[in-house]
Amino acid sequence: MNTTHQRPRRNQPAPAARPITRRIFLERGLAAASLLAAPALIPASARAANGGVAPSNRVTVGLIGPGLMGSGHLKRLAYDKQF
C-alpha cells in the first residue's frame, strides 16, 4: 500500500467544474421549491400554529367491536370537552 501523497503543482490549473445538466438543474430546483413550499402545504393544525393543539397532545380513540358498554364510553368521550 502506497501512503505517499502527491502535492498539486502550483502552476497547474484547477480542474474544471462539471457542467450542470438540465436534469440535475431540474432535480435541484424541484427539491428547493418543495422545501420552500412545505410550510404552506402542511396544515396549521398539524403544526400546532395559531394556538392549536399539536397532534402529539391530542387523544385519539378507536374501538373495535365496542358492544353496548363500549358504545356508552365512546358517546361519553365524544361529547367531553376535556378530550
Protein backbone atom coordinates (compact mmCIF):
# COMPACT_ATOMS: atom_id res chain seq x y z
CA MET A 1 0.00 0.00 0.00
CA ASN A 2 1.48 3.30 -1.07
CA THR A 3 0.92 6.04 1.53
CA THR A 4 2.78 8.85 -0.17
CA HIS A 5 0.70 11.86 -1.07
CA GLN A 6 1.44 13.99 -4.08
CA ARG A 7 1.11 17.73 -3.82
CA PRO A 8 -0.53 19.57 -6.71
CA ARG A 9 1.80 21.66 -8.76
CA ARG A 10 1.50 25.39 -8.26
CA ASN A 11 1.39 26.27 -11.94
CA GLN A 12 -1.20 23.63 -12.77
CA PRO A 13 -4.75 24.99 -13.29
CA ALA A 14 -7.58 23.71 -11.10
CA PRO A 15 -9.73 21.01 -12.66
CA ALA A 16 -12.78 22.37 -14.43
CA ALA A 17 -16.10 22.03 -12.65
CA ARG A 18 -18.55 19.61 -14.19
CA PRO A 19 -21.17 21.38 -16.26
CA ILE A 20 -24.65 21.21 -14.78
CA THR A 21 -27.06 19.23 -16.89
CA ARG A 22 -30.70 20.06 -17.39
CA ARG A 23 -31.72 17.00 -15.36
CA ILE A 24 -29.58 17.99 -12.37
CA PHE A 25 -30.81 21.58 -12.59
CA LEU A 26 -34.45 20.46 -12.53
CA GLU A 27 -33.89 17.99 -9.69
CA ARG A 28 -32.20 20.58 -7.51
CA GLY A 29 -34.76 23.25 -8.38
CA LEU A 30 -37.65 20.93 -7.53
CA ALA A 31 -36.02 19.97 -4.22
CA ALA A 32 -35.52 23.61 -3.27
CA ALA A 33 -39.06 24.56 -4.28
CA SER A 34 -40.55 21.71 -2.26
CA LEU A 35 -38.61 22.77 0.83
CA LEU A 36 -39.86 26.32 0.46
CA ALA A 37 -43.46 25.25 -0.14
CA ALA A 38 -43.63 22.69 2.70
CA PRO A 39 -44.92 25.11 5.39
CA ALA A 40 -47.74 26.22 3.09
CA LEU A 41 -48.81 22.64 2.33
CA ILE A 42 -48.82 21.35 5.93
CA PRO A 43 -51.98 22.49 7.71
CA ALA A 44 -51.60 24.82 10.70
CA SER A 45 -53.39 22.34 12.93
CA ALA A 46 -50.67 19.75 12.27
CA ARG A 47 -48.01 22.28 13.22
CA ALA A 48 -49.94 23.49 16.32
CA ALA A 49 -49.86 27.02 14.95
CA ASN A 50 -52.29 29.76 15.99
CA GLY A 51 -52.73 28.31 19.46
CA GLY A 52 -53.91 24.91 18.22
CA VAL A 53 -53.19 21.60 19.90
CA ALA A 54 -50.31 19.59 18.49
CA PRO A 55 -51.21 16.12 17.19
CA SER A 56 -48.94 14.58 19.82
CA ASN A 57 -51.09 16.18 22.53
CA ARG A 58 -54.45 15.01 21.16
CA VAL A 59 -56.31 11.99 22.43
CA THR A 60 -57.45 9.64 19.69
CA VAL A 61 -59.90 6.85 20.44
CA GLY A 62 -60.67 3.86 18.29
CA LEU A 63 -62.95 0.99 19.22
CA ILE A 64 -63.23 -2.35 17.51
CA GLY A 65 -66.36 -4.28 18.36
CA PRO A 66 -67.39 -1.97 21.22
CA GLY A 67 -70.66 -3.67 22.14
CA LEU A 68 -73.10 -1.96 24.48
CA MET A 69 -70.63 -0.93 27.17
CA GLY A 70 -68.06 0.41 24.69
CA SER A 71 -70.69 2.41 22.80
CA GLY A 72 -71.59 4.21 26.02
CA HIS A 73 -67.94 5.01 26.69
CA LEU A 74 -67.48 6.29 23.16
CA LYS A 75 -70.51 8.59 23.42
CA ARG A 76 -69.23 9.95 26.71
CA LEU A 77 -65.81 10.69 25.24
CA ALA A 78 -67.26 12.21 22.06
CA TYR A 79 -69.07 14.95 23.98
CA ASP A 80 -66.44 15.59 26.67
CA LYS A 81 -64.72 18.94 26.05
CA GLN A 82 -61.64 17.85 28.02
CA PHE A 83 -60.86 15.16 25.46
